[in-house]
């Protein structure tokens, strides 16, 4: 009984997690930063200095257990690890209503996905 309870807790914990993967676009090395120092940009026009792409960050999490804010926080943390000082939101896809219903009926859940570009913004 105790093992099944612990297994259930582990599954619920993992379901609430956001996973990130990064594909490096640049061979340059940047010192890792604190995630608080990574600036979030909604579009390229908001970036006032020269900048370059560092990596594509793919983030995903169960739509029932995660929020966009958690997804963006995890993307900022991943970008900071890579030394990127900014992230540019390219796309966040919410699962369709049909996918959410099917996920509930089948017990598989539905996935929120984000594509975020980690960037390095040069001092102006």
PDB file of N, CA and C in Angstrom:
ATOM      1  N   UNK A   1       0.819  -1.184   0.000  1.00  0.00           N
ATOM      2  CA  UNK A   1       0.000   0.000   0.000  1.00  0.00           C
ATOM      3  C   UNK A   1       0.870   1.257   0.000  1.00  0.00           C
ATOM      4  N   UNK A   2       1.910   1.234   0.831  1.00  0.00           N
ATOM      5  CA  UNK A   2       2.784   2.384   0.935  1.00  0.00           C
ATOM      6  C   UNK A   2       3.516   2.651  -0.385  1.00  0.00           C
ATOM      7  N   UNK A   3       3.930   1.580  -1.083  1.00  0.00           N
ATOM      8  CA  UNK A   3       4.627   1.740  -2.362  1.00  0.00           C
ATOM      9  C   UNK A   3       3.705   2.367  -3.405  1.00  0.00           C
ATOM     10  N   UNK A   4       2.462   1.929  -3.462  1.00  0.00           N
ATOM     11  CA  UNK A   4       1.538   2.488  -4.456  1.00  0.00           C
ATOM     12  C   UNK A   4       1.253   3.956  -4.162  1.00  0.00           C
ATOM     13  N   UNK A   5       1.189   4.327  -2.890  1.00  0.00           N
ATOM     14  CA  UNK A   5       0.987   5.724  -2.502  1.00  0.00           C
ATOM     15  C   UNK A   5       2.179   6.567  -2.944  1.00  0.00           C
ATOM     16  N   UNK A   6       3.392   6.076  -2.715  1.00  0.00           N
ATOM     17  CA  UNK A   6       4.585   6.796  -3.125  1.00  0.00           C
ATOM     18  C   UNK A   6       4.686   6.896  -4.643  1.00  0.00           C
ATOM     19  N   UNK A   7       4.313   5.840  -5.332  1.00  0.00           N
ATOM     20  CA  UNK A   7       4.316   5.861  -6.791  1.00  0.00           C
ATOM     21  C   UNK A   7       3.330   6.902  -7.309  1.00  0.00           C
ATOM     22  N   UNK A   8       2.146   6.974  -6.724  1.00  0.00           N
ATOM     23  CA  UNK A   8       1.150   7.960  -7.122  1.00  0.00           C
ATOM     24  C   UNK A   8       1.679   9.373  -6.904  1.00  0.00           C
ATOM     25  N   UNK A   9       2.308   9.626  -5.782  1.00  0.00           N
ATOM     26  CA  UNK A   9       2.888  10.943  -5.511  1.00  0.00           C
ATOM     27  C   UNK A   9       3.972  11.294  -6.522  1.00  0.00           C
ATOM     28  N   UNK A  10       4.806  10.308  -6.866  1.00  0.00           N
ATOM     29  CA  UNK A  10       5.870  10.541  -7.844  1.00  0.00           C
ATOM     30  C   UNK A  10       5.280  10.883  -9.211  1.00  0.00           C
ATOM     31  N   UNK A  11       4.242  10.178  -9.619  1.00  0.00           N
ATOM     32  CA  UNK A  11       3.600  10.442 -10.911  1.00  0.00           C
ATOM     33  C   UNK A  11       2.986  11.838 -10.924  1.00  0.00           C
ATOM     34  N   UNK A  12       2.297  12.211  -9.853  1.00  0.00           N
ATOM     35  CA  UNK A  12       1.706  13.547  -9.780  1.00  0.00           C
ATOM     36  C   UNK A  12       2.778  14.626  -9.792  1.00  0.00           C
ATOM     37  N   UNK A  13       3.883  14.382  -9.105  1.00  0.00           N
ATOM     38  CA  UNK A  13       4.971  15.350  -9.095  1.00  0.00           C
ATOM     39  C   UNK A  13       5.557  15.528 -10.486  1.00  0.00           C
ATOM     40  N   UNK A  14       5.830  14.426 -11.159  1.00  0.00           N
ATOM     41  CA  UNK A  14       6.415  14.492 -12.501  1.00  0.00           C
ATOM     42  C   UNK A  14       5.447  15.093 -13.507  1.00  0.00           C
ATOM     43  N   UNK A  15       4.163  14.846 -13.332  1.00  0.00           N
ATOM     44  CA  UNK A  15       3.167  15.407 -14.257  1.00  0.00           C
ATOM     45  C   UNK A  15       3.148  16.919 -14.188  1.00  0.00           C
ATOM     46  N   UNK A  16       3.475  17.477 -13.026  1.00  0.00           N
ATOM     47  CA  UNK A  16       3.474  18.921 -12.859  1.00  0.00           C
ATOM     48  C   UNK A  16       4.756  19.588 -13.295  1.00  0.00           C
ATOM     49  N   UNK A  17       5.713  18.830 -13.740  1.00  0.00           N
ATOM     50  CA  UNK A  17       7.012  19.377 -14.120  1.00  0.00           C
ATOM     51  C   UNK A  17       7.013  19.864 -15.556  1.00  0.00           C
ATOM     52  N   UNK A  18       7.829  20.856 -15.785  1.00  0.00           N
ATOM     53  CA  UNK A  18       8.073  21.332 -17.138  1.00  0.00           C
ATOM     54  C   UNK A  18       9.444  20.820 -17.542  1.00  0.00           C
ATOM     55  N   UNK A  19       9.514  20.175 -18.678  1.00  0.00           N
ATOM     56  CA  UNK A  19      10.789  19.697 -19.203  1.00  0.00           C
ATOM     57  C   UNK A  19      11.270  20.675 -20.270  1.00  0.00           C
ATOM     58  N   UNK A  20      12.575  20.901 -20.298  1.00  0.00           N
ATOM     59  CA  UNK A  20      13.159  21.753 -21.326  1.00  0.00           C
ATOM     60  C   UNK A  20      14.294  21.011 -22.019  1.00  0.00           C
ATOM     61  N   UNK A  21      14.433  21.291 -23.286  1.00  0.00           N
ATOM     62  CA  UNK A  21      15.564  20.794 -24.075  1.00  0.00           C
ATOM     63  C   UNK A  21      16.116  21.981 -24.847  1.00  0.00           C
ATOM     64  N   UNK A  22      17.419  22.046 -24.968  1.00  0.00           N
ATOM     65  CA  UNK A  22      18.037  23.149 -25.694  1.00  0.00           C
ATOM     66  C   UNK A  22      18.872  22.616 -26.846  1.00  0.00           C
ATOM     67  N   UNK A  23      18.729  23.263 -27.981  1.00  0.00           N
ATOM     68  CA  UNK A  23      19.550  22.976 -29.148  1.00  0.00           C
ATOM     69  C   UNK A  23      20.441  24.191 -29.375  1.00  0.00           C
ATOM     70  N   UNK A  24      21.737  24.019 -29.167  1.00  0.00           N
ATOM     71  CA  UNK A  24      22.661  25.139 -29.313  1.00  0.00           C
ATOM     72  C   UNK A  24      22.768  25.581 -30.765  1.00  0.00           C
ATOM     73  N   UNK A  25      22.787  26.884 -30.966  1.00  0.00           N
ATOM     74  CA  UNK A  25      22.908  27.464 -32.299  1.00  0.00           C
ATOM     75  C   UNK A  25      24.232  28.190 -32.483  1.00  0.00           C
ATOM     76  N   UNK A  26      24.992  28.267 -31.405  1.00  0.00           N
ATOM     77  CA  UNK A  26      26.206  29.072 -31.388  1.00  0.00           C
ATOM     78  C   UNK A  26      27.287  28.304 -30.640  1.00  0.00           C
ATOM     79  N   UNK A  27      28.502  28.293 -31.160  1.00  0.00           N
ATOM     80  CA  UNK A  27      29.606  27.600 -30.496  1.00  0.00           C
ATOM     81  C   UNK A  27      30.284  28.450 -29.429  1.00  0.00           C
ATOM     82  N   UNK A  28      29.886  29.711 -29.309  1.00  0.00           N
ATOM     83  CA  UNK A  28      30.503  30.600 -28.323  1.00  0.00           C
ATOM     84  C   UNK A  28      30.161  30.151 -26.913  1.00  0.00           C
ATOM     85  N   UNK A  29      31.069  30.480 -25.983  1.00  0.00           N
ATOM     86  CA  UNK A  29      30.820  30.175 -24.579  1.00  0.00           C
ATOM     87  C   UNK A  29      30.440  31.461 -23.865  1.00  0.00           C
ATOM     88  N   UNK A  30      29.372  31.396 -23.093  1.00  0.00           N
ATOM     89  CA  UNK A  30      28.933  32.517 -22.275  1.00  0.00           C
ATOM     90  C   UNK A  30      28.866  32.037 -20.826  1.00  0.00           C
ATOM     91  N   UNK A  31      29.318  32.879 -19.908  1.00  0.00           N
ATOM     92  CA  UNK A  31      29.273  32.540 -18.488  1.00  0.00           C
ATOM     93  C   UNK A  31      27.820  32.334 -18.056  1.00  0.00           C
ATOM     94  N   UNK A  32      27.545  31.284 -17.313  1.00  0.00           N
ATOM     95  CA  UNK A  32      26.194  31.099 -16.793  1.00  0.00           C
ATOM     96  C   UNK A  32      25.777  32.299 -15.945  1.00  0.00           C
ATOM     97  N   UNK A  33      24.488  32.587 -15.974  1.00  0.00           N
ATOM     98  CA  UNK A  33      23.930  33.732 -15.260  1.00  0.00           C
ATOM     99  C   UNK A  33      22.906  33.267 -14.243  1.00  0.00           C
ATOM    100  N   UNK A  34      22.442  34.203 -13.458  1.00  0.00           N
ATOM    101  CA  UNK A  34      21.302  33.959 -12.590  1.00  0.00           C
ATOM    102  C   UNK A  34      20.042  34.118 -13.448  1.00  0.00           C
ATOM    103  N   UNK A  35      19.086  33.253 -13.265  1.00  0.00           N
ATOM    104  CA  UNK A  35      17.859  33.299 -14.079  1.00  0.00           C
ATOM    105  C   UNK A  35      17.141  34.643 -13.962  1.00  0.00           C
ATOM    106  N   UNK A  36      17.311  35.319 -12.834  1.00  0.00           N
ATOM    107  CA  UNK A  36      16.682  36.640 -12.649  1.00  0.00           C
ATOM    108  C   UNK A  36      17.247  37.674 -13.625  1.00  0.00           C
ATOM    109  N   UNK A  37      18.448  37.427 -14.153  1.00  0.00           N
ATOM    110  CA  UNK A  37      19.093  38.368 -15.064  1.00  0.00           C
ATOM    111  C   UNK A  37      18.719  38.139 -16.526  1.00  0.00           C
ATOM    112  N   UNK A  38      17.900  37.139 -16.792  1.00  0.00           N
ATOM    113  CA  UNK A  38      17.483  36.842 -18.160  1.00  0.00           C
ATOM    114  C   UNK A  38      16.202  37.628 -18.454  1.00  0.00           C
ATOM    115  N   UNK A  39      16.284  38.491 -19.462  1.00  0.00           N
ATOM    116  CA  UNK A  39      15.165  39.365 -19.822  1.00  0.00           C
ATOM    117  C   UNK A  39      14.253  38.638 -20.807  1.00  0.00           C
ATOM    118  N   UNK A  40      12.969  38.777 -20.606  1.00  0.00           N
ATOM    119  CA  UNK A  40      11.970  38.170 -21.482  1.00  0.00           C
ATOM    120  C   UNK A  40      11.538  39.192 -22.532  1.00  0.00           C
ATOM    121  N   UNK A  41      11.627  38.813 -23.805  1.00  0.00           N
ATOM    122  CA  UNK A  41      11.206  39.674 -24.903  1.00  0.00           C
ATOM    123  C   UNK A  41      10.031  39.014 -25.614  1.00  0.00           C
ATOM    124  N   UNK A  42       9.025  39.820 -25.912  1.00  0.00           N
ATOM    125  CA  UNK A  42       7.847  39.293 -26.597  1.00  0.00           C
ATOM    126  C   UNK A  42       8.001  39.322 -28.115  1.00  0.00           C
ATOM    127  N   UNK A  43       8.806  40.261 -28.626  1.00  0.00           N
ATOM    128  CA  UNK A  43       9.081  40.285 -30.062  1.00  0.00           C
ATOM    129  C   UNK A  43      10.423  40.971 -30.304  1.00  0.00           C
ATOM    130  N   UNK A  44      10.942  40.806 -31.494  1.00  0.00           N
ATOM    131  CA  UNK A  44      12.280  41.312 -31.826  1.00  0.00           C
ATOM    132  C   UNK A  44      12.367  42.824 -31.712  1.00  0.00           C
ATOM    133  N   UNK A  45      11.274  43.536 -31.963  1.00  0.00           N
ATOM    134  CA  UNK A  45      11.282  44.999 -31.899  1.00  0.00           C
ATOM    135  C   UNK A  45      11.582  45.507 -30.488  1.00  0.00           C
ATOM    136  N   UNK A  46      11.350  44.680 -29.485  1.00  0.00           N
ATOM    137  CA  UNK A  46      11.610  45.071 -28.100  1.00  0.00           C
ATOM    138  C   UNK A  46      13.097  45.045 -27.746  1.00  0.00           C
ATOM    139  N   UNK A  47      13.909  44.416 -28.566  1.00  0.00           N
ATOM    140  CA  UNK A  47      15.341  44.284 -28.291  1.00  0.00           C
ATOM    141  C   UNK A  47      16.042  45.500 -28.888  1.00  0.00           C
ATOM    142  N   UNK A  48      16.604  46.349 -28.024  1.00  0.00           N
ATOM    143  CA  UNK A  48      17.134  47.640 -28.475  1.00  0.00           C
ATOM    144  C   UNK A  48      18.609  47.604 -28.862  1.00  0.00           C
ATOM    145  N   UNK A  49      19.300  46.511 -28.634  1.00  0.00           N
ATOM    146  CA  UNK A  49      20.727  46.404 -28.948  1.00  0.00           C
ATOM    147  C   UNK A  49      20.950  45.263 -29.932  1.00  0.00           C
ATOM    148  N   UNK A  50      22.204  45.142 -30.377  1.00  0.00           N
ATOM    149  CA  UNK A  50      22.577  44.001 -31.216  1.00  0.00           C
ATOM    150  C   UNK A  50      22.454  42.725 -30.388  1.00  0.00           C
ATOM    151  N   UNK A  51      22.066  41.642 -31.032  1.00  0.00           N
ATOM    152  CA  UNK A  51      21.911  40.376 -30.319  1.00  0.00           C
ATOM    153  C   UNK A  51      22.148  39.224 -31.270  1.00  0.00           C
ATOM    154  N   UNK A  52      22.383  38.043 -30.672  1.00  0.00           N
ATOM    155  CA  UNK A  52      22.548  36.849 -31.503  1.00  0.00           C
ATOM    156  C   UNK A  52      21.845  35.676 -30.834  1.00  0.00           C
ATOM    157  N   UNK A  53      21.438  34.737 -31.653  1.00  0.00           N
ATOM    158  CA  UNK A  53      20.785  33.526 -31.152  1.00  0.00           C
ATOM    159  C   UNK A  53      21.818  32.624 -30.489  1.00  0.00           C
ATOM    160  N   UNK A  54      21.446  32.059 -29.352  1.00  0.00           N
ATOM    161  CA  UNK A  54      22.311  31.120 -28.649  1.00  0.00           C
ATOM    162  C   UNK A  54      21.758  29.707 -28.756  1.00  0.00           C
ATOM    163  N   UNK A  55      20.455  29.551 -28.544  1.00  0.00           N
ATOM    164  CA  UNK A  55      19.862  28.208 -28.548  1.00  0.00           C
ATOM    165  C   UNK A  55      18.358  28.297 -28.764  1.00  0.00           C
ATOM    166  N   UNK A  56      17.802  27.202 -29.230  1.00  0.00           N
ATOM    167  CA  UNK A  56      16.346  27.032 -29.266  1.00  0.00           C
ATOM    168  C   UNK A  56      15.995  26.199 -28.048  1.00  0.00           C
ATOM    169  N   UNK A  57      15.077  26.698 -27.248  1.00  0.00           N
ATOM    170  CA  UNK A  57      14.635  25.963 -26.069  1.00  0.00           C
ATOM    171  C   UNK A  57      13.222  25.466 -26.323  1.00  0.00           C
ATOM    172  N   UNK A  58      13.058  24.162 -26.239  1.00  0.00           N
ATOM    173  CA  UNK A  58      11.736  23.551 -26.328  1.00  0.00           C
ATOM    174  C   UNK A  58      11.304  23.223 -24.912  1.00  0.00           C
ATOM    175  N   UNK A  59      10.140  23.687 -24.532  1.00  0.00           N
ATOM    176  CA  UNK A  59       9.616  23.426 -23.193  1.00  0.00           C
ATOM    177  C   UNK A  59       8.255  22.764 -23.337  1.00  0.00           C
ATOM    178  N   UNK A  60       7.982  21.828 -22.452  1.00  0.00           N
ATOM    179  CA  UNK A  60       6.674  21.182 -22.475  1.00  0.00           C
ATOM    180  C   UNK A  60       6.284  20.726 -21.084  1.00  0.00           C
ATOM    181  N   UNK A  61       4.982  20.698 -20.865  1.00  0.00           N
ATOM    182  CA  UNK A  61       4.459  20.237 -19.593  1.00  0.00           C
ATOM    183  C   UNK A  61       2.980  19.932 -19.740  1.00  0.00           C
ATOM    184  N   UNK A  62       2.458  19.150 -18.830  1.00  0.00           N
ATOM    185  CA  UNK A  62       1.046  18.797 -18.842  1.00  0.00           C
ATOM    186  C   UNK A  62       0.219  20.061 -18.655  1.00  0.00           C
ATOM    187  N   UNK A  63      -0.754  20.287 -19.528  1.00  0.00           N
ATOM    188  CA  UNK A  63      -1.523  21.523 -19.491  1.00  0.00           C
ATOM    189  C   UNK A  63      -2.387  21.654 -18.240  1.00  0.00           C
ATOM    190  N   UNK A  64      -2.721  20.556 -17.603  1.00  0.00           N
ATOM    191  CA  UNK A  64      -3.521  20.609 -16.383  1.00  0.00           C
ATOM    192  C   UNK A  64      -2.691  20.997 -15.168  1.00  0.00           C
ATOM    193  N   UNK A  65      -1.406  20.690 -15.193  1.00  0.00           N
ATOM    194  CA  UNK A  65      -0.568  20.861 -14.016  1.00  0.00           C
ATOM    195  C   UNK A  65       0.445  21.983 -14.129  1.00  0.00           C
ATOM    196  N   UNK A  66       0.608  22.544 -15.312  1.00  0.00           N
ATOM    197  CA  UNK A  66       1.588  23.615 -15.489  1.00  0.00           C
ATOM    198  C   UNK A  66       0.908  24.849 -16.049  1.00  0.00           C
ATOM    199  N   UNK A  67       1.517  25.961 -15.846  1.00  0.00           N
ATOM    200  CA  UNK A  67       1.040  27.239 -16.374  1.00  0.00           C
ATOM    201  C   UNK A  67       2.133  27.826 -17.253  1.00  0.00           C
ATOM    202  N   UNK A  68       1.749  28.792 -18.101  1.00  0.00           N
ATOM    203  CA  UNK A  68       2.730  29.452 -18.954  1.00  0.00           C
ATOM    204  C   UNK A  68       3.835  30.089 -18.127  1.00  0.00           C
ATOM    205  N   UNK A  69       3.477  30.634 -16.976  1.00  0.00           N
ATOM    206  CA  UNK A  69       4.476  31.297 -16.137  1.00  0.00           C
ATOM    207  C   UNK A  69       5.565  30.316 -15.701  1.00  0.00           C
ATOM    208  N   UNK A  70       5.182  29.090 -15.373  1.00  0.00           N
ATOM    209  CA  UNK A  70       6.173  28.085 -14.979  1.00  0.00           C
ATOM    210  C   UNK A  70       7.027  27.690 -16.182  1.00  0.00           C
ATOM    211  N   UNK A  71       6.398  27.592 -17.354  1.00  0.00           N
ATOM    212  CA  UNK A  71       7.130  27.245 -18.565  1.00  0.00           C
ATOM    213  C   UNK A  71       8.176  28.320 -18.878  1.00  0.00           C
ATOM    214  N   UNK A  72       7.780  29.585 -18.749  1.00  0.00           N
ATOM    215  CA  UNK A  72       8.714  30.674 -19.025  1.00  0.00           C
ATOM    216  C   UNK A  72       9.809  30.743 -17.963  1.00  0.00           C
ATOM    217  N   UNK A  73       9.484  30.453 -16.709  1.00  0.00           N
ATOM    218  CA  UNK A  73      10.497  30.433 -15.655  1.00  0.00           C
ATOM    219  C   UNK A  73      11.546  29.360 -15.942  1.00  0.00           C
ATOM    220  N   UNK A  74      11.081  28.177 -16.353  1.00  0.00           N
ATOM    221  CA  UNK A  74      12.015  27.087 -16.676  1.00  0.00           C
ATOM    222  C   UNK A  74      12.867  27.439 -17.893  1.00  0.00           C
ATOM    223  N   UNK A  75      12.275  28.117 -18.879  1.00  0.00           N
ATOM    224  CA  UNK A  75      13.031  28.533 -20.062  1.00  0.00           C
ATOM    225  C   UNK A  75      14.096  29.558 -19.672  1.00  0.00           C
ATOM    226  N   UNK A  76      13.758  30.483 -18.770  1.00  0.00           N
ATOM    227  CA  UNK A  76      14.738  31.470 -18.288  1.00  0.00           C
ATOM    228  C   UNK A  76      15.882  30.764 -17.553  1.00  0.00           C
ATOM    229  N   UNK A  77      15.548  29.758 -16.737  1.00  0.00           N
ATOM    230  CA  UNK A  77      16.582  29.008 -16.019  1.00  0.00           C
ATOM    231  C   UNK A  77      17.510  28.295 -16.985  1.00  0.00           C
ATOM    232  N   UNK A  78      16.929  27.688 -18.017  1.00  0.00           N
ATOM    233  CA  UNK A  78      17.750  26.965 -19.013  1.00  0.00           C
ATOM    234  C   UNK A  78      18.627  27.930 -19.792  1.00  0.00           C
ATOM    235  N   UNK A  79      18.053  29.085 -20.183  1.00  0.00           N
ATOM    236  CA  UNK A  79      18.827  30.098 -20.902  1.00  0.00           C
ATOM    237  C   UNK A  79      19.982  30.605 -20.037  1.00  0.00           C
ATOM    238  N   UNK A  80      19.723  30.820 -18.754  1.00  0.00           N
ATOM    239  CA  UNK A  80      20.761  31.301 -17.839  1.00  0.00           C
ATOM    240  C   UNK A  80      21.906  30.303 -17.735  1.00  0.00           C
ATOM    241  N   UNK A  81      21.580  29.007 -17.708  1.00  0.00           N
ATOM    242  CA  UNK A  81      22.615  27.969 -17.673  1.00  0.00           C
ATOM    243  C   UNK A  81      23.534  28.077 -18.891  1.00  0.00           C
ATOM    244  N   UNK A  82      22.955  28.481 -20.021  1.00  0.00           N
ATOM    245  CA  UNK A  82      23.719  28.591 -21.265  1.00  0.00           C
ATOM    246  C   UNK A  82      24.434  29.933 -21.398  1.00  0.00           C
ATOM    247  N   UNK A  83      24.184  30.851 -20.459  1.00  0.00           N
ATOM    248  CA  UNK A  83      24.802  32.166 -20.516  1.00  0.00           C
ATOM    249  C   UNK A  83      24.043  33.164 -21.355  1.00  0.00           C
ATOM    250  N   UNK A  84      22.864  32.812 -21.805  1.00  0.00           N
ATOM    251  CA  UNK A  84      22.037  33.740 -22.575  1.00  0.00           C
ATOM    252  C   UNK A  84      21.421  34.745 -21.599  1.00  0.00           C
ATOM    253  N   UNK A  85      21.379  36.013 -21.987  1.00  0.00           N
ATOM    254  CA  UNK A  85      20.825  37.024 -21.094  1.00  0.00           C
ATOM    255  C   UNK A  85      19.434  37.487 -21.514  1.00  0.00           C
ATOM    256  N   UNK A  86      18.846  36.766 -22.461  1.00  0.00           N
ATOM    257  CA  UNK A  86      17.489  37.081 -22.884  1.00  0.00           C
ATOM    258  C   UNK A  86      16.820  35.867 -23.494  1.00  0.00           C
ATOM    259  N   UNK A  87      15.504  35.875 -23.467  1.00  0.00           N
ATOM    260  CA  UNK A  87      14.732  34.870 -24.199  1.00  0.00           C
ATOM    261  C   UNK A  87      13.678  35.591 -25.014  1.00  0.00           C
ATOM    262  N   UNK A  88      13.467  35.075 -26.187  1.00  0.00           N
ATOM    263  CA  UNK A  88      12.488  35.617 -27.123  1.00  0.00           C
ATOM    264  C   UNK A  88      11.435  34.543 -27.341  1.00  0.00           C
ATOM    265  N   UNK A  89      10.214  34.841 -26.944  1.00  0.00           N
ATOM    266  CA  UNK A  89       9.140  33.856 -27.087  1.00  0.00           C
ATOM    267  C   UNK A  89       8.776  33.752 -28.556  1.00  0.00           C
ATOM    268  N   UNK A  90       8.938  32.578 -29.095  1.00  0.00           N
ATOM    269  CA  UNK A  90       8.585  32.356 -30.491  1.00  0.00           C
ATOM    270  C   UNK A  90       7.166  31.809 -30.603  1.00  0.00           C
ATOM    271  N   UNK A  91       6.841  30.829 -29.733  1.00  0.00           N
ATOM    272  CA  UNK A  91       5.520  30.211 -29.836  1.00  0.00           C
ATOM    273  C   UNK A  91       5.209  29.425 -28.564  1.00  0.00           C
ATOM    274  N   UNK A  92       3.979  29.534 -28.100  1.00  0.00           N
ATOM    275  CA  UNK A  92       3.480  28.671 -27.035  1.00  0.00           C
ATOM    276  C   UNK A  92       2.165  28.104 -27.538  1.00  0.00           C
ATOM    277  N   UNK A  93       2.118  26.787 -27.638  1.00  0.00           N
ATOM    278  CA  UNK A  93       0.929  26.110 -28.161  1.00  0.00           C
ATOM    279  C   UNK A  93       0.146  25.479 -27.028  1.00  0.00           C
ATOM    280  N   UNK A  94      -1.101  25.856 -26.945  1.00  0.00           N
ATOM    281  CA  UNK A  94      -2.012  25.237 -25.996  1.00  0.00           C
ATOM    282  C   UNK A  94      -2.670  24.047 -26.687  1.00  0.00           C
ATOM    283  N   UNK A  95      -2.929  22.984 -25.977  1.00  0.00           N
ATOM    284  CA  UNK A  95      -3.633  21.858 -26.599  1.00  0.00           C
ATOM    285  C   UNK A  95      -5.062  22.273 -26.949  1.00  0.00           C
ATOM    286  N   UNK A  96      -5.571  21.725 -28.017  1.00  0.00           N
ATOM    287  CA  UNK A  96      -6.941  22.042 -28.439  1.00  0.00           C
ATOM    288  C   UNK A  96      -7.930  21.502 -27.415  1.00  0.00           C
ATOM    289  N   UNK A  97      -9.149  21.996 -27.486  1.00  0.00           N
ATOM    290  CA  UNK A  97     -10.196  21.515 -26.579  1.00  0.00           C
ATOM    291  C   UNK A  97     -10.398  20.014 -26.757  1.00  0.00           C
ATOM    292  N   UNK A  98     -10.356  19.551 -28.013  1.00  0.00           N
ATOM    293  CA  UNK A  98     -10.533  18.117 -28.282  1.00  0.00           C
ATOM    294  C   UNK A  98      -9.406  17.304 -27.649  1.00  0.00           C
ATOM    295  N   UNK A  99      -8.179  17.811 -27.727  1.00  0.00           N
ATOM    296  CA  UNK A  99      -7.039  17.101 -27.125  1.00  0.00           C
ATOM    297  C   UNK A  99      -7.172  17.060 -25.610  1.00  0.00           C
ATOM    298  N   UNK A 100      -7.659  18.153 -25.028  1.00  0.00           N
ATOM    299  CA  UNK A 100      -7.843  18.180 -23.580  1.00  0.00           C
ATOM    300  C   UNK A 100      -8.922  17.198 -23.141  1.00  0.00           C
ATOM    301  N   UNK A 101     -10.021  17.148 -23.877  1.00  0.00           N
ATOM    302  CA  UNK A 101     -11.109  16.216 -23.542  1.00  0.00           C
ATOM    303  C   UNK A 101     -10.627  14.772 -23.705  1.00  0.00           C
ATOM    304  N   UNK A 102      -9.951  14.500 -24.822  1.00  0.00           N
ATOM    305  CA  UNK A 102      -9.447  13.149 -25.059  1.00  0.00           C
ATOM    306  C   UNK A 102      -8.454  12.755 -23.975  1.00  0.00           C
ATOM    307  N   UNK A 103      -7.611  13.682 -23.562  1.00  0.00           N
ATOM    308  CA  UNK A 103      -6.645  13.403 -22.514  1.00  0.00           C
ATOM    309  C   UNK A 103      -7.308  13.081 -21.190  1.00  0.00           C
ATOM    310  N   UNK A 104      -8.408  13.775 -20.903  1.00  0.00           N
ATOM    311  CA  UNK A 104      -9.148  13.496 -19.671  1.00  0.00           C
ATOM    312  C   UNK A 104      -9.832  12.140 -19.741  1.00  0.00           C
ATOM    313  N   UNK A 105     -10.460  11.852 -20.870  1.00  0.00           N
ATOM    314  CA  UNK A 105     -11.184  10.588 -21.031  1.00  0.00           C
ATOM    315  C   UNK A 105     -10.226   9.399 -20.988  1.00  0.00           C
ATOM    316  N   UNK A 106      -9.102   9.530 -21.681  1.00  0.00           N
ATOM    317  CA  UNK A 106      -8.138   8.432 -21.759  1.00  0.00           C
ATOM    318  C   UNK A 106      -7.166   8.406 -20.580  1.00  0.00           C
ATOM    319  N   UNK A 107      -7.162   9.477 -19.798  1.00  0.00           N
ATOM    320  CA  UNK A 107      -6.260   9.539 -18.655  1.00  0.00           C
ATOM    321  C   UNK A 107      -4.816   9.810 -19.030  1.00  0.00           C
ATOM    322  N   UNK A 108      -4.591  10.345 -20.241  1.00  0.00           N
ATOM    323  CA  UNK A 108      -3.222  10.598 -20.687  1.00  0.00           C
ATOM    324  C   UNK A 108      -2.806  12.051 -20.525  1.00  0.00           C
ATOM    325  N   UNK A 109      -3.751  12.936 -20.289  1.00  0.00           N
ATOM    326  CA  UNK A 109      -3.447  14.356 -20.176  1.00  0.00           C
ATOM    327  C   UNK A 109      -3.181  14.967 -21.538  1.00  0.00           C
ATOM    328  N   UNK A 110      -2.920  16.254 -21.553  1.00  0.00           N
ATOM    329  CA  UNK A 110      -2.593  16.957 -22.785  1.00  0.00           C
ATOM    330  C   UNK A 110      -1.401  17.866 -22.502  1.00  0.00           C
ATOM    331  N   UNK A 111      -0.656  18.192 -23.540  1.00  0.00           N
ATOM    332  CA  UNK A 111       0.630  18.858 -23.364  1.00  0.00           C
ATOM    333  C   UNK A 111       0.624  20.275 -23.916  1.00  0.00           C
ATOM    334  N   UNK A 112       1.128  21.202 -23.100  1.00  0.00           N
ATOM    335  CA  UNK A 112       1.384  22.577 -23.520  1.00  0.00           C
ATOM    336  C   UNK A 112       2.844  22.598 -23.976  1.00  0.00           C
ATOM    337  N   UNK A 113       3.106  23.217 -25.137  1.00  0.00           N
ATOM    338  CA  UNK A 113       4.460  23.230 -25.687  1.00  0.00           C
ATOM    339  C   UNK A 113       4.887  24.665 -26.003  1.00  0.00           C
ATOM    340  N   UNK A 114       6.161  24.934 -25.770  1.00  0.00           N
ATOM    341  CA  UNK A 114       6.696  26.250 -26.075  1.00  0.00           C
ATOM    342  C   UNK A 114       7.996  26.144 -26.840  1.00  0.00           C
ATOM    343  N   UNK A 115       8.183  27.097 -27.725  1.00  0.00           N
ATOM    344  CA  UNK A 115       9.442  27.220 -28.471  1.00  0.00           C
ATOM    345  C   UNK A 115       9.962  28.622 -28.178  1.00  0.00           C
ATOM    346  N   UNK A 116      11.108  28.677 -27.530  1.00  0.00           N
ATOM    347  CA  UNK A 116      11.667  29.931 -27.051  1.00  0.00           C
ATOM    348  C   UNK A 116      13.114  30.013 -27.519  1.00  0.00           C
ATOM    349  N   UNK A 117      13.511  31.183 -27.964  1.00  0.00           N
ATOM    350  CA  UNK A 117      14.878  31.375 -28.431  1.00  0.00           C
ATOM    351  C   UNK A 117      15.697  32.032 -27.323  1.00  0.00           C
ATOM    352  N   UNK A 118      16.774  31.376 -26.898  1.00  0.00           N
ATOM    353  CA  UNK A 118      17.711  31.974 -25.953  1.00  0.00           C
ATOM    354  C   UNK A 118      18.642  32.861 -26.754  1.00  0.00           C
ATOM    355  N   UNK A 119      18.808  34.101 -26.302  1.00  0.00           N
ATOM    356  CA  UNK A 119      19.617  35.054 -27.060  1.00  0.00           C
ATOM    357  C   UNK A 119      20.656  35.709 -26.142  1.00  0.00           C
ATOM    358  N   UNK A 120      21.694  36.244 -26.767  1.00  0.00           N
ATOM    359  CA  UNK A 120      22.665  37.055 -26.037  1.00  0.00           C
ATOM    360  C   UNK A 120      22.568  38.462 -26.597  1.00  0.00           C
ATOM    361  N   UNK A 121      22.193  39.399 -25.724  1.00  0.00           N
ATOM    362  CA  UNK A 121      22.061  40.811 -26.127  1.00  0.00           C
ATOM    363  C   UNK A 121      23.345  41.532 -25.698  1.00  0.00           C
ATOM    364  N   UNK A 122      23.992  42.158 -26.668  1.00  0.00           N
ATOM    365  CA  UNK A 122      25.237  42.891 -26.403  1.00  0.00           C
ATOM    366  C   UNK A 122      24.925  44.236 -25.777  1.00  0.00           C
ATOM    367  N   UNK A 123      25.845  44.720 -24.947  1.00  0.00           N
ATOM    368  CA  UNK A 123      25.672  46.054 -24.331  1.00  0.00           C
ATOM    369  C   UNK A 123      25.635  47.096 -25.420  1.00  0.00           C
ATOM    370  N   UNK A 124      24.770  48.067 -25.248  1.00  0.00           N
ATOM    371  CA  UNK A 124      24.664  49.134 -26.274  1.00  0.00           C
ATOM    372  C   UNK A 124      25.649  50.235 -26.032  1.00  0.00           C
TER     373      UNK A 124
END
